[in-house]
Protein backbone atom coordinates (compact mmCIF):
# COMPACT_ATOMS: atom_id res chain seq x y z
CA MET A 1 0.02 -0.01 -0.01
CA ARG A 2 1.34 3.46 -0.88
CA LYS A 3 1.99 5.58 2.12
CA THR A 4 1.20 9.28 2.42
CA LEU A 5 4.07 11.41 1.32
CA LEU A 6 4.90 14.14 3.70
CA LEU A 7 8.37 15.38 2.44
CA ALA A 8 8.42 18.40 0.07
CA ALA A 9 10.74 18.07 -2.82
CA ALA A 10 14.29 19.68 -2.34
CA ILE A 11 15.04 22.58 -4.58
CA PHE A 12 18.39 22.94 -6.29
CA THR A 13 19.75 26.10 -7.97
CA PHE A 14 22.18 26.14 -10.91
CA SER A 15 24.73 28.70 -12.02
CA ALA A 16 23.81 30.71 -15.11
CA ASN A 17 27.31 30.95 -16.52
CA ALA A 18 27.77 31.92 -20.12
CA GLN A 19 28.50 28.91 -22.40
CA LYS A 20 31.01 28.81 -25.22
CA ILE A 21 29.47 26.53 -27.84
CA LYS A 22 31.60 25.38 -30.73
CA SER A 23 30.57 23.58 -33.84
CA PHE A 24 33.07 21.61 -35.88
CA GLY A 25 33.25 18.89 -38.51
CA ILE A 26 34.50 15.32 -38.30
CA THR A 27 38.10 14.57 -37.36
CA GLY A 28 38.23 11.91 -40.11
CA THR A 29 36.95 8.57 -41.37
CA VAL A 30 38.21 5.05 -41.07
CA ALA A 31 37.28 1.99 -43.10
CA VAL A 32 34.90 -0.54 -41.58
CA LYS A 33 35.52 -4.11 -42.72
CA LEU A 34 33.00 -6.99 -42.70
CA GLU A 35 35.09 -9.82 -41.23
CA ASN A 36 32.61 -12.70 -41.53
CA ILE A 37 29.04 -13.92 -41.00
CA SER A 38 29.11 -16.51 -38.30
CA ARG A 39 27.49 -19.86 -38.22
CA PRO A 40 24.58 -20.08 -35.74
CA LEU A 41 25.86 -19.63 -32.17
CA SER A 42 23.58 -22.44 -31.11
CA SER A 43 25.48 -24.90 -33.39
CA ILE A 44 28.95 -24.08 -31.81
CA PRO A 45 30.10 -26.41 -29.01
CA GLU A 46 30.00 -25.13 -25.48
CA LYS A 47 33.28 -24.26 -23.69
CA ALA A 48 33.22 -25.91 -20.30
CA PRO A 49 34.62 -23.48 -17.69
CA THR A 50 37.88 -24.64 -15.99
CA GLU A 51 38.17 -25.38 -12.28
CA ALA A 52 40.14 -22.16 -11.90
CA GLU A 53 37.28 -20.22 -13.59
CA LEU A 54 34.70 -21.77 -11.32
CA ARG A 55 36.69 -20.72 -8.27
CA GLY A 56 36.59 -17.10 -9.50
CA PRO A 57 39.07 -14.70 -11.10
CA LYS A 58 42.55 -14.40 -9.56
CA THR A 59 44.47 -12.74 -12.32
CA GLU A 60 44.12 -9.06 -13.38
CA LYS A 61 43.49 -8.06 -16.93
CA ASP A 62 46.48 -5.99 -17.91
CA ASN A 63 45.50 -2.65 -19.37
CA PRO A 64 48.19 0.03 -19.01
CA SER A 65 45.89 2.75 -20.34
CA LEU A 66 43.73 2.50 -17.19
CA GLU A 67 46.60 3.66 -14.97
CA ARG A 68 45.48 6.89 -13.27
CA PRO A 69 48.26 8.66 -11.43
CA HIS A 70 47.79 11.04 -8.55
CA ILE A 71 47.85 14.70 -9.81
CA SER A 72 47.80 18.08 -8.10
CA PHE A 73 44.35 19.73 -8.55
CA LYS A 74 42.76 23.07 -7.81
CA LYS A 75 42.35 23.95 -4.19
CA GLY A 76 39.12 25.50 -2.86
CA ALA A 77 36.94 23.54 -5.31
CA LEU A 78 33.32 23.00 -4.31
CA PRO A 79 31.77 21.44 -2.43
CA ILE A 80 33.63 21.91 0.94
CA GLY A 81 32.50 19.05 3.09
CA GLU A 82 29.40 16.91 2.64
CA ASP A 83 27.73 16.66 -0.82
CA PRO A 84 24.96 19.27 -0.86
CA ALA A 85 22.74 17.03 -2.94
CA ILE A 86 22.88 14.08 -0.60
CA GLN A 87 19.43 12.62 0.06
CA ASN A 88 18.32 13.22 3.54
CA MET A 89 17.61 9.85 5.12
CA SER A 90 16.78 11.17 8.59
CA GLN A 91 13.09 11.87 7.70
CA PRO A 92 10.44 9.64 9.10
CA ALA A 93 10.12 6.32 7.20
CA ASN A 94 6.67 7.12 5.89
CA ALA A 95 7.86 10.44 4.41
CA ILE A 96 10.16 8.73 1.85
CA ALA A 97 9.52 4.97 1.71
CA ALA A 98 6.49 5.13 -0.64
CA THR A 99 7.60 2.60 -3.27
CA THR A 100 8.88 -1.01 -2.99
CA VAL A 101 10.75 -3.28 -5.27
CA ASN A 102 9.77 -6.87 -6.18
CA THR A 103 12.52 -9.15 -7.31
CA ILE A 104 11.02 -11.40 -9.95
CA SER A 105 13.96 -13.65 -10.49
CA ASN A 106 17.65 -13.76 -9.64
CA TRP A 107 19.87 -15.80 -12.00
CA ALA A 108 23.51 -16.92 -11.62
CA GLY A 109 25.53 -15.26 -14.40
CA LEU A 110 28.82 -15.97 -15.93
CA THR A 111 32.02 -16.22 -13.88
CA ALA A 112 34.72 -13.93 -15.28
CA ALA A 113 38.10 -15.58 -15.53
CA VAL A 114 39.97 -12.31 -15.04
CA GLN A 115 39.53 -9.07 -13.14
CA PRO A 116 37.77 -6.77 -13.79
CA SER A 117 34.74 -8.78 -15.03
CA ASP A 118 33.30 -5.95 -17.27
CA ASN A 119 29.92 -7.54 -17.16
CA SER A 120 27.36 -6.19 -19.66
CA ILE A 121 23.71 -7.09 -20.40
CA ALA A 122 21.15 -6.72 -23.13
CA VAL A 123 17.48 -7.70 -22.94
CA GLY A 124 15.22 -8.07 -25.98
CA ARG A 125 11.70 -9.38 -26.63
CA ASN A 126 12.53 -13.01 -25.99
CA HIS A 127 16.18 -13.22 -24.80
CA VAL A 128 18.60 -12.01 -22.16
CA VAL A 129 22.31 -11.81 -23.16
CA GLN A 130 25.28 -11.38 -20.81
CA MET A 131 29.05 -10.96 -21.56
CA THR A 132 32.05 -10.91 -19.22
CA ASN A 133 35.81 -10.75 -19.60
CA ASN A 134 37.68 -14.01 -19.98
CA SER A 135 41.42 -14.93 -20.25
CA VAL A 136 41.00 -15.97 -23.90
CA SER A 137 38.25 -14.15 -25.76
CA THR A 138 35.07 -12.83 -24.04
CA TYR A 139 32.43 -15.12 -22.53
CA ILE A 140 28.78 -14.95 -23.77
CA ARG A 141 25.61 -16.47 -22.28
CA VAL A 142 22.04 -16.34 -23.53
CA TRP A 143 18.83 -17.22 -21.63
CA ASN A 144 15.17 -17.14 -22.66
CA LYS A 145 12.81 -15.06 -20.59
CA ALA A 146 11.80 -18.23 -18.50
CA GLY A 147 15.34 -18.48 -17.26
CA THR A 148 16.44 -21.44 -19.36
CA VAL A 149 20.00 -21.31 -20.44
CA LEU A 150 20.16 -21.49 -24.24
CA ILE A 151 23.89 -20.68 -24.61
CA SER A 152 25.95 -21.33 -21.40
CA ASN A 153 29.61 -20.71 -21.86
CA LYS A 154 30.74 -19.82 -25.41
CA LEU A 155 33.32 -17.34 -26.61
CA ALA A 156 32.78 -14.17 -28.62
CA SER A 157 35.53 -15.46 -30.93
CA ASP A 158 33.11 -18.29 -31.88
CA ILE A 159 31.09 -15.49 -33.40
CA THR A 160 33.75 -13.13 -34.62
CA GLY A 161 36.66 -15.36 -35.48
CA ILE A 162 38.86 -12.88 -33.65
CA THR A 163 40.63 -13.62 -30.30
CA ASP A 164 39.59 -10.34 -28.68
CA TYR A 165 40.79 -8.65 -25.49
CA GLY A 166 37.50 -8.07 -23.86
CA ASP A 167 35.92 -4.89 -22.50
CA PRO A 168 32.52 -6.20 -23.74
CA ASN A 169 29.72 -3.71 -24.11
CA LEU A 170 26.24 -4.97 -25.24
CA LEU A 171 23.35 -3.21 -26.76
CA TYR A 172 19.82 -4.21 -27.68
CA ASP A 173 18.47 -1.98 -30.50
CA GLU A 174 14.78 -1.96 -29.77
CA GLN A 175 13.63 -0.28 -32.98
CA ALA A 176 15.57 -2.81 -35.10
CA ASP A 177 15.00 -5.84 -32.69
CA ARG A 178 18.72 -6.78 -32.92
CA TYR A 179 21.62 -7.34 -30.57
CA LEU A 180 25.10 -5.73 -30.91
CA PHE A 181 28.36 -5.85 -28.92
CA VAL A 182 31.72 -4.13 -29.17
CA LEU A 183 35.07 -5.54 -28.02
CA LEU A 184 38.77 -4.62 -28.05
CA TYR A 185 40.35 -6.41 -31.06
CA SER A 186 43.45 -7.38 -29.14
CA LYS A 187 45.71 -6.27 -26.28
CA SER A 188 47.83 -4.00 -28.46
CA ALA A 189 46.03 -3.45 -31.81
CA LYS A 190 44.42 -0.10 -32.27
CA LYS A 191 41.22 -1.74 -33.47
CA LEU A 192 37.61 -2.45 -32.36
CA VAL A 193 35.34 -5.43 -33.16
CA LEU A 194 31.61 -4.77 -33.58
CA ALA A 195 29.12 -7.66 -33.98
CA ALA A 196 25.43 -7.47 -34.84
CA SER A 197 22.91 -10.31 -34.80
CA THR A 198 21.44 -10.96 -38.23
CA THR A 199 17.99 -11.59 -36.76
CA PRO A 200 16.24 -10.93 -33.32
CA ASP A 201 17.57 -14.27 -32.17
CA PRO A 202 21.06 -13.99 -30.58
CA THR A 203 21.55 -17.73 -30.68
CA GLY A 204 21.57 -17.44 -34.48
CA THR A 205 24.09 -15.92 -36.94
CA TRP A 206 26.01 -12.62 -36.46
CA TYR A 207 27.76 -10.13 -38.70
CA THR A 208 31.24 -9.14 -37.55
CA TYR A 209 33.03 -5.88 -38.41
CA SER A 210 36.35 -4.41 -37.44
CA PHE A 211 37.87 -1.00 -37.88
CA THR A 212 41.15 0.70 -36.95
CA THR A 213 40.99 3.50 -34.44
CA ALA A 214 42.70 6.79 -35.21
CA ASN A 215 43.38 8.20 -31.68
CA GLY A 216 45.51 5.28 -30.35
CA PHE A 217 44.33 2.33 -28.22
CA PRO A 218 40.51 2.35 -28.01
CA ASP A 219 40.10 1.57 -24.35
CA TYR A 220 36.77 1.36 -22.48
CA PRO A 221 34.48 1.21 -25.58
CA LYS A 222 30.77 1.97 -24.97
CA ILE A 223 28.02 1.58 -27.60
CA GLY A 224 24.73 3.28 -28.16
CA VAL A 225 22.10 3.84 -30.91
CA TRP A 226 20.53 6.95 -32.16
CA GLY A 227 18.67 7.65 -35.45
CA ASN A 228 20.77 6.49 -38.38
CA SER A 229 23.88 5.55 -36.51
CA TYR A 230 25.55 3.38 -33.89
CA PHE A 231 27.94 5.36 -31.67
CA ILE A 232 31.03 4.04 -29.90
CA THR A 233 32.96 6.17 -27.44
CA THR A 234 36.47 5.33 -26.12
CA ASN A 235 39.10 6.43 -23.71
CA SER A 236 42.04 7.18 -26.06
CA SER A 237 44.68 9.78 -26.48
CA GLN A 238 41.72 12.08 -26.89
CA PRO A 239 38.16 11.09 -25.83
CA SER A 240 36.87 9.67 -29.11
CA ILE A 241 33.41 9.12 -30.75
CA TYR A 242 32.87 6.81 -33.66
CA ALA A 243 29.73 6.88 -35.72
CA LEU A 244 28.85 3.85 -37.81
CA ASN A 245 26.10 3.57 -40.42
CA ARG A 246 23.29 1.74 -38.73
CA SER A 247 21.42 0.51 -41.86
CA ALA A 248 24.69 -0.74 -43.41
CA ILE A 249 25.56 -2.69 -40.23
CA LEU A 250 22.13 -4.23 -39.94
CA ALA A 251 22.20 -5.31 -43.62
CA GLY A 252 25.62 -6.81 -43.34
CA GLN A 253 27.18 -4.58 -46.08
CA ALA A 254 30.70 -5.65 -46.95
CA ILE A 255 32.46 -2.35 -46.49
CA GLY A 256 31.88 1.16 -45.18
CA THR A 257 33.30 3.96 -43.00
CA ALA A 258 33.14 5.12 -39.43
CA GLN A 259 33.13 8.81 -38.74
CA LEU A 260 35.53 9.92 -35.97
CA PHE A 261 35.00 12.95 -33.71
CA SER A 262 37.57 13.90 -31.09
CA LEU A 263 36.84 15.86 -27.91
CA SER A 264 39.27 18.09 -26.03
CA LYS A 265 40.84 16.56 -22.86
CA PHE A 266 40.65 17.90 -19.37
CA GLY A 267 44.38 18.51 -18.95
CA SER A 268 44.63 17.11 -15.47
CA LEU A 269 43.24 13.64 -16.05
CA SER A 270 44.70 10.63 -17.85
CA PHE A 271 41.56 8.47 -17.98
CA GLN A 272 38.77 10.30 -19.92
CA SER A 273 35.78 9.06 -21.87
CA ALA A 274 32.35 10.39 -22.88
CA SER A 275 29.31 8.13 -22.87
CA PRO A 276 26.83 7.74 -25.73
CA ILE A 277 23.26 8.68 -25.05
CA SER A 278 21.32 5.66 -26.39
CA GLN A 279 17.62 5.71 -27.38
CA ALA A 280 15.47 3.10 -25.59
CA GLY A 281 11.72 2.42 -25.48
CA PRO A 282 9.10 2.10 -28.21
CA VAL A 283 9.10 5.72 -29.30
CA ALA A 284 12.10 6.95 -31.18
CA PRO A 285 13.36 10.53 -30.98
CA ALA A 286 12.31 12.92 -33.69
CA ALA A 287 13.95 12.24 -37.03
CA ASN A 288 15.96 15.49 -37.05
CA ALA A 289 17.04 15.19 -33.36
CA PRO A 290 20.81 15.22 -33.07
CA ALA A 291 22.54 12.31 -31.45
CA SER A 292 24.43 13.17 -28.18
CA VAL A 293 27.23 12.03 -25.96
CA ILE A 294 27.74 13.17 -22.34
CA ARG A 295 30.53 13.51 -19.83
CA VAL A 296 30.94 14.90 -16.31
CA ALA A 297 33.42 17.67 -15.23
CA ASP A 298 34.57 18.57 -11.69
CA ASP A 299 35.72 22.13 -11.00
CA ALA A 300 38.65 20.76 -9.10
CA TRP A 301 40.25 19.16 -12.16
CA SER A 302 41.95 22.39 -13.25
CA SER A 303 41.80 26.18 -12.73
CA THR A 304 40.04 26.44 -16.13
CA THR A 305 37.62 23.60 -15.86
CA GLY A 306 34.74 25.82 -14.71
CA PRO A 307 31.83 24.91 -12.41
CA ASP A 308 30.76 21.30 -11.79
CA ARG A 309 28.62 20.24 -14.75
CA LEU A 310 27.43 17.66 -17.26
CA GLU A 311 28.66 18.36 -20.77
CA ILE A 312 26.51 17.36 -23.71
CA TYR A 313 27.87 17.28 -27.29
CA LYS A 314 25.40 17.01 -30.17
CA LEU A 315 26.16 15.20 -33.41
CA ASN A 316 24.46 15.56 -36.74
CA ILE A 317 25.54 12.66 -38.95
CA ASN A 318 25.24 12.73 -42.77
CA TRP A 319 25.88 9.43 -44.44
CA THR A 320 25.50 10.74 -48.02
CA ASN A 321 28.28 13.40 -47.58
CA THR A 322 30.42 12.86 -44.51
CA THR A 323 31.97 16.38 -44.87
CA LEU A 324 28.53 17.70 -43.68
CA SER A 325 28.52 15.77 -40.38
CA THR A 326 29.10 18.03 -37.39
CA ILE A 327 29.45 18.00 -33.60
CA SER A 328 28.72 20.96 -31.44
CA GLY A 329 29.17 21.68 -27.80
CA PRO A 330 29.66 21.51 -24.95
CA PHE A 331 26.15 22.39 -23.84
CA ASN A 332 26.75 22.67 -20.14
CA LEU A 333 24.26 21.65 -17.46
CA TYR A 334 25.56 23.03 -14.22
CA THR A 335 24.99 20.60 -11.42
CA THR A 336 24.79 20.94 -7.65
CA ALA A 337 28.41 20.88 -6.60
CA TYR A 338 30.03 17.46 -6.34
CA ASN A 339 33.46 16.14 -5.37
CA SER A 340 35.12 13.38 -7.49
CA ASN A 341 38.10 13.13 -5.01
CA LEU A 342 37.66 9.92 -2.83
CA CYS A 343 41.21 9.28 -1.72
CA GLY A 344 43.35 11.36 -4.11
CA PHE A 345 42.22 12.49 -7.53
CA GLY A 346 42.53 9.73 -10.12
CA SER A 347 43.28 7.09 -7.55
CA SER A 348 42.42 3.52 -8.56
CA GLY A 349 42.29 2.12 -5.03
CA CYS A 350 39.91 3.84 -2.50
CA ILE A 351 37.01 1.61 -1.44
CA PRO A 352 37.73 -0.75 1.55
CA GLN A 353 36.84 -4.35 2.00
CA PRO A 354 36.69 -6.52 5.14
CA GLY A 355 39.84 -8.22 6.39
CA ALA A 356 43.51 -7.33 6.83
CA ASN A 357 45.71 -6.72 3.81
CA THR A 358 42.78 -6.58 1.39
CA LYS A 359 42.98 -4.46 -1.71
CA LEU A 360 41.23 -1.05 -1.93
CA LEU A 361 38.72 -1.07 -4.84
CA ASP A 362 38.73 1.32 -7.83
CA PRO A 363 35.86 3.82 -7.63
CA LEU A 364 36.03 5.10 -11.23
CA SER A 365 34.82 8.49 -10.08
CA ASP A 366 35.67 10.66 -13.08
CA ILE A 367 33.23 9.29 -15.76
CA VAL A 368 29.51 8.94 -16.41
CA MET A 369 28.70 5.20 -15.84
CA ASP A 370 27.22 2.88 -18.45
CA LYS A 371 24.51 3.13 -19.74
CA VAL A 372 23.08 6.55 -20.39
CA GLN A 373 19.51 5.91 -21.55
CA TYR A 374 17.05 8.25 -23.41
CA ARG A 375 13.25 7.78 -23.48
CA ASN A 376 10.56 9.60 -25.39
CA PHE A 377 7.18 10.00 -23.52
CA GLY A 378 5.63 12.14 -26.17
CA THR A 379 4.92 15.26 -23.96
CA PHE A 380 8.59 15.20 -22.76
CA GLU A 381 11.82 13.45 -23.27
CA SER A 382 14.08 12.10 -20.55
CA ILE A 383 17.69 11.01 -20.00
CA THR A 384 18.94 9.18 -16.85
CA CYS A 385 22.71 8.94 -15.90
CA SER A 386 24.96 8.66 -12.90
CA HIS A 387 28.47 8.85 -11.66
CA ILE A 388 30.43 8.28 -8.40
CA CYS A 389 31.31 11.00 -5.99
CA ASN A 390 32.58 11.69 -2.44
CA ALA A 391 29.35 11.76 -0.52
CA ASP A 392 30.44 12.88 2.98
CA GLY A 393 33.57 14.88 2.10
CA ASN A 394 35.72 12.28 3.89
CA GLY A 395 36.12 9.75 1.08
CA LYS A 396 32.85 7.76 1.27
CA ALA A 397 31.75 6.79 -2.18
CA GLY A 398 28.17 7.62 -3.14
CA ILE A 399 26.17 7.86 -6.29
CA ARG A 400 25.15 11.09 -7.93
CA TRP A 401 22.19 10.45 -10.27
CA TYR A 402 20.31 12.74 -12.62
CA GLU A 403 17.15 12.83 -14.71
CA LEU A 404 17.42 15.34 -17.59
CA ARG A 405 14.29 16.53 -19.43
CA LYS A 406 13.24 18.48 -22.42
CA SER A 407 9.88 19.18 -24.12
CA GLY A 408 8.90 20.79 -27.38
CA THR A 409 11.71 23.10 -28.76
CA SER A 410 13.31 23.59 -25.32
CA ASP A 411 16.82 22.20 -24.67
CA TRP A 412 17.90 19.72 -22.09
CA SER A 413 17.90 20.75 -18.40
CA ILE A 414 18.40 18.96 -15.08
CA TYR A 415 14.98 17.96 -13.83
CA GLN A 416 16.15 16.16 -10.72
CA GLN A 417 19.34 15.08 -9.12
CA SER A 418 20.51 13.60 -5.84
CA THR A 419 23.37 11.67 -4.18
CA TRP A 420 22.48 8.20 -2.91
CA SER A 421 24.46 7.37 0.16
CA PRO A 422 22.00 6.09 2.82
CA ASP A 423 24.56 4.84 5.39
CA VAL A 424 28.24 4.46 6.21
CA ASN A 425 29.01 1.98 3.44
CA HIS A 426 30.49 2.85 0.07
CA ARG A 427 28.32 2.59 -3.13
CA PHE A 428 29.91 2.59 -6.54
CA MET A 429 29.79 1.11 -10.01
CA SER A 430 26.25 2.40 -10.66
CA SER A 431 23.85 1.92 -13.54
CA ILE A 432 20.49 3.70 -13.86
CA ALA A 433 17.45 3.34 -16.13
CA MET A 434 13.93 4.67 -16.56
CA ASN A 435 11.04 2.51 -18.00
CA GLN A 436 8.07 3.72 -20.06
CA ASN A 437 6.04 4.09 -16.84
CA GLY A 438 8.48 6.69 -15.61
CA GLN A 439 9.80 4.39 -12.91
CA VAL A 440 13.61 4.50 -12.21
CA ALA A 441 15.88 1.69 -11.09
CA LEU A 442 19.42 2.35 -9.76
CA GLY A 443 21.77 -0.64 -9.32
CA TYR A 444 25.24 -0.60 -7.85
CA ASN A 445 27.88 -2.39 -5.80
CA ILE A 446 28.45 -1.91 -2.10
CA SER A 447 31.52 -2.46 0.04
CA SER A 448 33.11 -1.32 3.31
CA SER A 449 35.51 -2.47 6.05
CA SER A 450 32.61 -4.51 7.32
CA VAL A 451 30.63 -5.39 4.23
CA PHE A 452 32.00 -7.62 1.50
CA PRO A 453 31.42 -6.39 -2.09
CA GLY A 454 27.82 -7.18 -3.11
CA ILE A 455 24.95 -6.04 -5.24
CA ARG A 456 22.14 -3.68 -4.16
CA ILE A 457 19.35 -1.68 -5.81
CA THR A 458 17.03 1.17 -5.09
CA GLY A 459 14.67 3.23 -7.28
CA ARG A 460 11.58 5.49 -7.45
CA ASP A 461 8.15 5.73 -8.91
CA SER A 462 7.05 8.48 -11.33
CA CYS A 463 4.85 10.15 -8.75
CA ASP A 464 7.30 10.12 -5.85
CA PRO A 465 8.88 13.28 -4.57
CA ILE A 466 11.60 14.37 -7.04
CA ASN A 467 15.34 14.28 -6.04
CA ASN A 468 14.63 11.20 -3.91
CA MET A 469 15.16 7.45 -4.32
CA THR A 470 12.10 6.20 -2.49
CA VAL A 471 12.67 2.44 -2.64
CA PRO A 472 14.26 1.13 0.57
CA GLU A 473 17.56 -0.38 -0.48
CA ALA A 474 17.19 -3.96 -1.53
CA ILE A 475 19.98 -6.60 -1.27
CA VAL A 476 20.21 -8.42 -4.55
CA LYS A 477 23.21 -10.54 -3.59
CA SER A 478 25.44 -10.32 -0.52
CA GLY A 479 29.11 -10.71 -0.93
CA ALA A 480 30.95 -13.42 1.03
CA ALA A 481 34.63 -12.69 0.35
CA ALA A 482 37.01 -9.84 -0.49
CA ASN A 483 38.11 -9.23 -3.96
CA SER A 484 41.75 -10.13 -4.64
CA SER A 485 42.39 -7.10 -6.82
CA SER A 486 41.54 -3.40 -6.90
CA ARG A 487 40.15 -3.86 -10.38
CA TYR A 488 36.74 -5.00 -9.12
CA GLY A 489 34.77 -3.91 -12.22
CA ASP A 490 34.69 -1.12 -14.78
CA TYR A 491 30.93 -0.98 -15.24
CA ASN A 492 27.62 -2.79 -14.48
CA GLY A 493 24.40 -2.73 -16.50
CA MET A 494 20.78 -1.72 -15.75
CA VAL A 495 18.33 -2.07 -18.68
CA VAL A 496 14.58 -2.14 -19.21
CA ASP A 497 12.65 -5.15 -20.61
CA PRO A 498 10.95 -3.94 -23.80
CA VAL A 499 7.99 -6.27 -23.21
CA ASP A 500 6.89 -5.63 -19.62
CA ASN A 501 8.94 -2.65 -18.40
CA SER A 502 10.74 -4.69 -15.71
CA PHE A 503 14.39 -3.90 -14.95
CA TRP A 504 17.33 -6.24 -15.43
CA PHE A 505 20.62 -5.65 -13.68
CA THR A 506 23.99 -7.34 -13.92
CA ALA A 507 26.91 -6.72 -11.42
CA ASN A 508 29.75 -8.40 -9.53
CA TYR A 509 29.57 -9.90 -6.10
């Protein structure tokens, strides 16, 4: 039964700083090669996991580009002390706890053979697909909606013919009813692999493409869909955006090009990447609506960074004449002040685990987490996203989440935001999504000196007070041991079922 809501919505104010918007053309194009059309995944023999894999990962996936050294940053950056957007949990229970969550099912996923697992998920009309890192090529598993495992342990190389280096990122293209994933081609090659299912059945055949990346090693690839293109962002020598022709990919055309756009770097950070804003739901954006990518900026990163903000870059892609493609931005959405410094800016070991001599876990506090999802409600449009921040000013990891909105000819603005940190434990590796009912689910990992790394979730209903997660935190899976490496994970995945609007979440424990 819904309880009476007594708490008034908190009000946030935003700086009205002048914005310097630039518009420029593509950085260049690279050739996209059709590598193969696979045989049906269902006809390929299973790869039985080894005993070592069943015991869990012990080795760390080597990736030098993820090294993030400590750097000197601007003093006096805001906020000073506790995050001003932190949700007030001291109110009476019936003032906030208006909505509950019901766990429909809880399935055992793949066991990653290396750390981090980089687990990713895609859910279509009839199937659920998961991928995780593995020591030799990436693991893939497929279920039907009843929970029956259709594909248990097979390798991405069974599809692609390429012994990839992982970093899997999955996408379900709802408008096309197809599945896609992107992978690193190898440990050293400056190339990416993209695969697209040839039908709505991921156990069937797949098209495999590859292309060389122009800005160096394409670390941390993330994939999204918008309009006539698929977009892949990477952490490279410059934050990079690749646009690929959607209709050509879906048709399995033998050759084409990817359009490259390069963003300027924040000079103080080594690890930098934007995130594609990916359309979800039954209603597509307007045909002329530009695609977008988003990133977050902390005023502490340099004296010239400016106020804390979300930066949106808009892309207009022309596949008839690539010289007419453009990117413009940043369009700045000034946030309530947040602090990305958990235990030293750029540190890859901050979050504690129980036990002596355990590793401190990587918070990844300088990027917008996967996935950023767009939804069209007709009368308004919405984007949900999140990142990790210092919630109490003393190094406790919390989750800053946002809903952006626009309607008619207006531009994007922050409709609501808050920092989720309901107790003394650290929360990190978040992923957030909104369904077509306007309900929001936020999933994440939890850890502390007394709580082993595990999985939890919260959320809110569309009519709940804004700026609040109203669902009492639910334990999805409790951890039972400390992680052996600081590389606990690079991302988790929260997505929406296109059939019944339920949420699906994959994460480590």
